[in-house]
Amino acid sequence: MSAQELVLNIAVNLGRIGRYAYEGRRSRVEQFLSETEEYVRQLESAPMQPRFQKTFAAFKQSLNELTRDMRLDTFWAETAYAWANILTHRAKLAG
């Protein structure tokens, strides 16, 4: 997959994660977080545009925080939705 496709897959998963967090469905959140982390690993080794690297670094930090502190409250879900939106709009910059 190209960097752009990986970023879009991550964004879609973050939308799902946000929805499942609102619903309190922890097992589904964990499932999609795991899949998202695999996409992130693939993206780390994919050729990526320098303009996207700062966004990617900030996203990885936020994803680590979400994974470490899985509260599944409104703020947590909104953070996932925000990154889904950001990554969707910046996917073209990835590759």
N, C-alpha and C. Protein backbone atom coordinates (compact mmCIF):
# COMPACT_ATOMS: atom_id res chain seq x y z
N MET A 1 0.83 -1.19 0.00
CA MET A 1 0.00 0.00 0.00
C MET A 1 0.87 1.24 0.00
N SER A 2 0.38 2.26 -0.64
CA SER A 2 1.10 3.53 -0.66
C SER A 2 0.91 4.24 0.67
N ALA A 3 1.74 5.25 0.91
CA ALA A 3 1.63 6.04 2.14
C ALA A 3 0.25 6.68 2.23
N GLN A 4 -0.24 7.19 1.12
CA GLN A 4 -1.56 7.84 1.11
C GLN A 4 -2.65 6.83 1.49
N GLU A 5 -2.60 5.63 0.95
CA GLU A 5 -3.59 4.60 1.28
C GLU A 5 -3.52 4.21 2.75
N LEU A 6 -2.31 4.09 3.27
CA LEU A 6 -2.15 3.75 4.69
C LEU A 6 -2.74 4.84 5.58
N VAL A 7 -2.48 6.09 5.23
CA VAL A 7 -3.00 7.21 6.03
C VAL A 7 -4.53 7.19 6.00
N LEU A 8 -5.11 6.94 4.84
CA LEU A 8 -6.57 6.90 4.75
C LEU A 8 -7.14 5.71 5.54
N ASN A 9 -6.46 4.57 5.51
CA ASN A 9 -6.91 3.43 6.32
C ASN A 9 -6.87 3.76 7.81
N ILE A 10 -5.82 4.44 8.22
CA ILE A 10 -5.70 4.86 9.62
C ILE A 10 -6.85 5.81 9.97
N ALA A 11 -7.14 6.75 9.09
CA ALA A 11 -8.20 7.73 9.33
C ALA A 11 -9.56 7.03 9.48
N VAL A 12 -9.84 6.08 8.61
CA VAL A 12 -11.10 5.34 8.70
C VAL A 12 -11.18 4.60 10.03
N ASN A 13 -10.10 3.96 10.40
CA ASN A 13 -10.09 3.24 11.68
C ASN A 13 -10.31 4.18 12.85
N LEU A 14 -9.72 5.36 12.80
CA LEU A 14 -9.91 6.31 13.89
C LEU A 14 -11.37 6.74 14.01
N GLY A 15 -12.05 6.86 12.89
CA GLY A 15 -13.49 7.14 12.93
C GLY A 15 -14.24 6.02 13.61
N ARG A 16 -13.89 4.79 13.28
CA ARG A 16 -14.51 3.64 13.93
C ARG A 16 -14.20 3.62 15.43
N ILE A 17 -12.96 3.89 15.75
CA ILE A 17 -12.53 3.89 17.15
C ILE A 17 -13.32 4.93 17.94
N GLY A 18 -13.49 6.12 17.37
CA GLY A 18 -14.27 7.16 18.04
C GLY A 18 -15.70 6.72 18.28
N ARG A 19 -16.31 6.12 17.27
CA ARG A 19 -17.69 5.66 17.40
C ARG A 19 -17.81 4.57 18.47
N TYR A 20 -16.92 3.59 18.42
CA TYR A 20 -16.98 2.52 19.42
C TYR A 20 -16.67 3.02 20.82
N ALA A 21 -15.83 4.03 20.92
CA ALA A 21 -15.55 4.62 22.23
C ALA A 21 -16.80 5.26 22.81
N TYR A 22 -17.54 6.00 21.97
CA TYR A 22 -18.80 6.60 22.42
C TYR A 22 -19.78 5.53 22.89
N GLU A 23 -19.76 4.38 22.21
CA GLU A 23 -20.67 3.30 22.55
C GLU A 23 -20.18 2.46 23.72
N GLY A 24 -18.95 2.71 24.16
CA GLY A 24 -18.39 1.95 25.28
C GLY A 24 -17.98 0.53 24.91
N ARG A 25 -17.70 0.30 23.65
CA ARG A 25 -17.36 -1.05 23.16
C ARG A 25 -15.84 -1.22 23.15
N ARG A 26 -15.30 -1.46 24.32
CA ARG A 26 -13.86 -1.55 24.52
C ARG A 26 -13.19 -2.59 23.63
N SER A 27 -13.78 -3.75 23.47
CA SER A 27 -13.15 -4.80 22.67
C SER A 27 -13.00 -4.38 21.21
N ARG A 28 -13.98 -3.65 20.69
CA ARG A 28 -13.88 -3.17 19.30
C ARG A 28 -12.84 -2.06 19.19
N VAL A 29 -12.78 -1.19 20.20
CA VAL A 29 -11.75 -0.15 20.22
C VAL A 29 -10.37 -0.81 20.20
N GLU A 30 -10.18 -1.80 21.04
CA GLU A 30 -8.88 -2.50 21.10
C GLU A 30 -8.55 -3.16 19.77
N GLN A 31 -9.55 -3.76 19.12
CA GLN A 31 -9.34 -4.41 17.84
C GLN A 31 -8.85 -3.41 16.79
N PHE A 32 -9.52 -2.26 16.69
CA PHE A 32 -9.15 -1.30 15.67
C PHE A 32 -7.88 -0.52 16.03
N LEU A 33 -7.61 -0.37 17.32
CA LEU A 33 -6.33 0.23 17.72
C LEU A 33 -5.18 -0.68 17.29
N SER A 34 -5.34 -1.97 17.48
CA SER A 34 -4.30 -2.92 17.08
C SER A 34 -4.07 -2.87 15.57
N GLU A 35 -5.15 -2.86 14.81
CA GLU A 35 -5.02 -2.78 13.35
C GLU A 35 -4.38 -1.46 12.94
N THR A 36 -4.75 -0.38 13.60
CA THR A 36 -4.20 0.94 13.30
C THR A 36 -2.70 0.97 13.59
N GLU A 37 -2.30 0.36 14.69
CA GLU A 37 -0.87 0.31 15.02
C GLU A 37 -0.09 -0.44 13.95
N GLU A 38 -0.68 -1.47 13.36
CA GLU A 38 -0.02 -2.19 12.27
C GLU A 38 0.12 -1.29 11.05
N TYR A 39 -0.91 -0.53 10.73
CA TYR A 39 -0.82 0.43 9.62
C TYR A 39 0.27 1.47 9.89
N VAL A 40 0.37 1.91 11.12
CA VAL A 40 1.40 2.90 11.49
C VAL A 40 2.79 2.29 11.28
N ARG A 41 2.98 1.05 11.68
CA ARG A 41 4.28 0.39 11.47
C ARG A 41 4.62 0.32 9.97
N GLN A 42 3.62 0.00 9.16
CA GLN A 42 3.85 -0.05 7.72
C GLN A 42 4.18 1.33 7.17
N LEU A 43 3.48 2.33 7.68
CA LEU A 43 3.70 3.70 7.20
C LEU A 43 5.10 4.20 7.57
N GLU A 44 5.59 3.78 8.72
CA GLU A 44 6.93 4.20 9.15
C GLU A 44 8.01 3.76 8.17
N SER A 45 7.79 2.66 7.48
CA SER A 45 8.80 2.17 6.53
C SER A 45 8.45 2.51 5.08
N ALA A 46 7.34 3.19 4.86
CA ALA A 46 6.95 3.57 3.50
C ALA A 46 7.56 4.91 3.14
N PRO A 47 7.84 5.11 1.85
CA PRO A 47 8.32 6.43 1.44
C PRO A 47 7.23 7.47 1.69
N MET A 48 7.61 8.56 2.33
CA MET A 48 6.64 9.58 2.70
C MET A 48 7.23 10.96 2.42
N GLN A 49 6.36 11.87 2.04
CA GLN A 49 6.78 13.24 1.76
C GLN A 49 7.25 13.93 3.05
N PRO A 50 8.32 14.70 2.97
CA PRO A 50 8.80 15.43 4.15
C PRO A 50 7.74 16.35 4.76
N ARG A 51 6.84 16.89 3.92
CA ARG A 51 5.80 17.80 4.43
C ARG A 51 4.83 17.10 5.38
N PHE A 52 4.75 15.78 5.30
CA PHE A 52 3.82 15.03 6.14
C PHE A 52 4.47 14.55 7.44
N GLN A 53 5.77 14.55 7.52
CA GLN A 53 6.47 13.94 8.65
C GLN A 53 6.13 14.59 10.00
N LYS A 54 5.97 15.89 10.05
CA LYS A 54 5.63 16.57 11.30
C LYS A 54 4.23 16.14 11.79
N THR A 55 3.30 16.08 10.87
CA THR A 55 1.94 15.62 11.21
C THR A 55 1.98 14.18 11.70
N PHE A 56 2.74 13.36 11.02
CA PHE A 56 2.83 11.94 11.39
C PHE A 56 3.44 11.78 12.78
N ALA A 57 4.46 12.55 13.08
CA ALA A 57 5.10 12.47 14.40
C ALA A 57 4.10 12.89 15.50
N ALA A 58 3.36 13.95 15.26
CA ALA A 58 2.36 14.40 16.24
C ALA A 58 1.26 13.36 16.40
N PHE A 59 0.84 12.77 15.30
CA PHE A 59 -0.19 11.73 15.37
C PHE A 59 0.29 10.53 16.18
N LYS A 60 1.51 10.08 15.91
CA LYS A 60 2.03 8.91 16.64
C LYS A 60 2.06 9.17 18.14
N GLN A 61 2.45 10.36 18.53
CA GLN A 61 2.47 10.71 19.96
C GLN A 61 1.05 10.65 20.54
N SER A 62 0.10 11.21 19.83
CA SER A 62 -1.28 11.20 20.30
C SER A 62 -1.84 9.78 20.35
N LEU A 63 -1.53 8.97 19.34
CA LEU A 63 -1.98 7.58 19.33
C LEU A 63 -1.42 6.81 20.53
N ASN A 64 -0.15 7.05 20.85
CA ASN A 64 0.44 6.39 22.02
C ASN A 64 -0.30 6.79 23.29
N GLU A 65 -0.65 8.06 23.41
CA GLU A 65 -1.38 8.52 24.59
C GLU A 65 -2.77 7.90 24.65
N LEU A 66 -3.46 7.81 23.51
CA LEU A 66 -4.78 7.19 23.48
C LEU A 66 -4.69 5.71 23.87
N THR A 67 -3.67 5.05 23.38
CA THR A 67 -3.52 3.62 23.67
C THR A 67 -3.20 3.39 25.14
N ARG A 68 -2.35 4.23 25.72
CA ARG A 68 -1.96 4.09 27.13
C ARG A 68 -3.11 4.40 28.08
N ASP A 69 -3.94 5.37 27.72
CA ASP A 69 -4.99 5.84 28.62
C ASP A 69 -6.36 5.68 27.94
N MET A 70 -6.81 4.44 27.83
CA MET A 70 -8.03 4.14 27.12
C MET A 70 -9.25 4.37 28.02
N ARG A 71 -9.65 5.65 28.15
CA ARG A 71 -10.77 6.02 29.02
C ARG A 71 -12.12 5.84 28.35
N LEU A 72 -12.17 5.95 27.04
CA LEU A 72 -13.39 5.83 26.27
C LEU A 72 -14.46 6.84 26.68
N ASP A 73 -14.02 8.02 27.11
CA ASP A 73 -14.96 9.09 27.42
C ASP A 73 -15.10 10.00 26.19
N THR A 74 -15.88 11.06 26.33
CA THR A 74 -16.14 11.97 25.21
C THR A 74 -14.85 12.60 24.69
N PHE A 75 -14.00 13.08 25.58
CA PHE A 75 -12.75 13.70 25.15
C PHE A 75 -11.89 12.71 24.38
N TRP A 76 -11.81 11.49 24.88
CA TRP A 76 -11.00 10.45 24.25
C TRP A 76 -11.52 10.19 22.83
N ALA A 77 -12.84 10.01 22.71
CA ALA A 77 -13.44 9.75 21.40
C ALA A 77 -13.25 10.93 20.45
N GLU A 78 -13.41 12.14 20.97
CA GLU A 78 -13.24 13.34 20.14
C GLU A 78 -11.81 13.47 19.63
N THR A 79 -10.85 13.04 20.42
CA THR A 79 -9.45 13.07 19.97
C THR A 79 -9.27 12.13 18.78
N ALA A 80 -9.87 10.94 18.86
CA ALA A 80 -9.79 9.99 17.74
C ALA A 80 -10.45 10.59 16.50
N TYR A 81 -11.63 11.20 16.67
CA TYR A 81 -12.32 11.83 15.54
C TYR A 81 -11.50 12.98 14.95
N ALA A 82 -10.88 13.76 15.80
CA ALA A 82 -10.08 14.89 15.31
C ALA A 82 -8.93 14.40 14.44
N TRP A 83 -8.23 13.35 14.89
CA TRP A 83 -7.13 12.82 14.09
C TRP A 83 -7.64 12.18 12.80
N ALA A 84 -8.81 11.56 12.84
CA ALA A 84 -9.39 11.00 11.61
C ALA A 84 -9.58 12.11 10.59
N ASN A 85 -10.08 13.25 11.03
CA ASN A 85 -10.30 14.39 10.16
C ASN A 85 -8.98 14.97 9.64
N ILE A 86 -8.05 15.17 10.54
CA ILE A 86 -6.74 15.73 10.15
C ILE A 86 -6.06 14.85 9.12
N LEU A 87 -6.01 13.55 9.38
CA LEU A 87 -5.31 12.63 8.48
C LEU A 87 -6.02 12.50 7.13
N THR A 88 -7.34 12.57 7.14
CA THR A 88 -8.07 12.52 5.87
C THR A 88 -7.69 13.70 5.00
N HIS A 89 -7.59 14.86 5.59
CA HIS A 89 -7.26 16.06 4.83
C HIS A 89 -5.80 16.14 4.43
N ARG A 90 -4.94 15.49 5.16
CA ARG A 90 -3.51 15.57 4.86
C ARG A 90 -2.96 14.33 4.16
N ALA A 91 -3.82 13.39 3.83
CA ALA A 91 -3.37 12.14 3.19
C ALA A 91 -2.61 12.39 1.91
N LYS A 92 -3.02 13.40 1.15
CA LYS A 92 -2.33 13.70 -0.11
C LYS A 92 -0.89 14.12 0.12
N LEU A 93 -0.63 14.70 1.29
CA LEU A 93 0.74 15.12 1.59
C LEU A 93 1.65 13.94 1.94
N ALA A 94 1.05 12.81 2.27
CA ALA A 94 1.84 11.66 2.71
C ALA A 94 2.68 11.05 1.60
N GLY A 95 2.09 10.93 0.45
CA GLY A 95 2.86 10.26 -0.58
C GLY A 95 2.37 10.44 -1.95
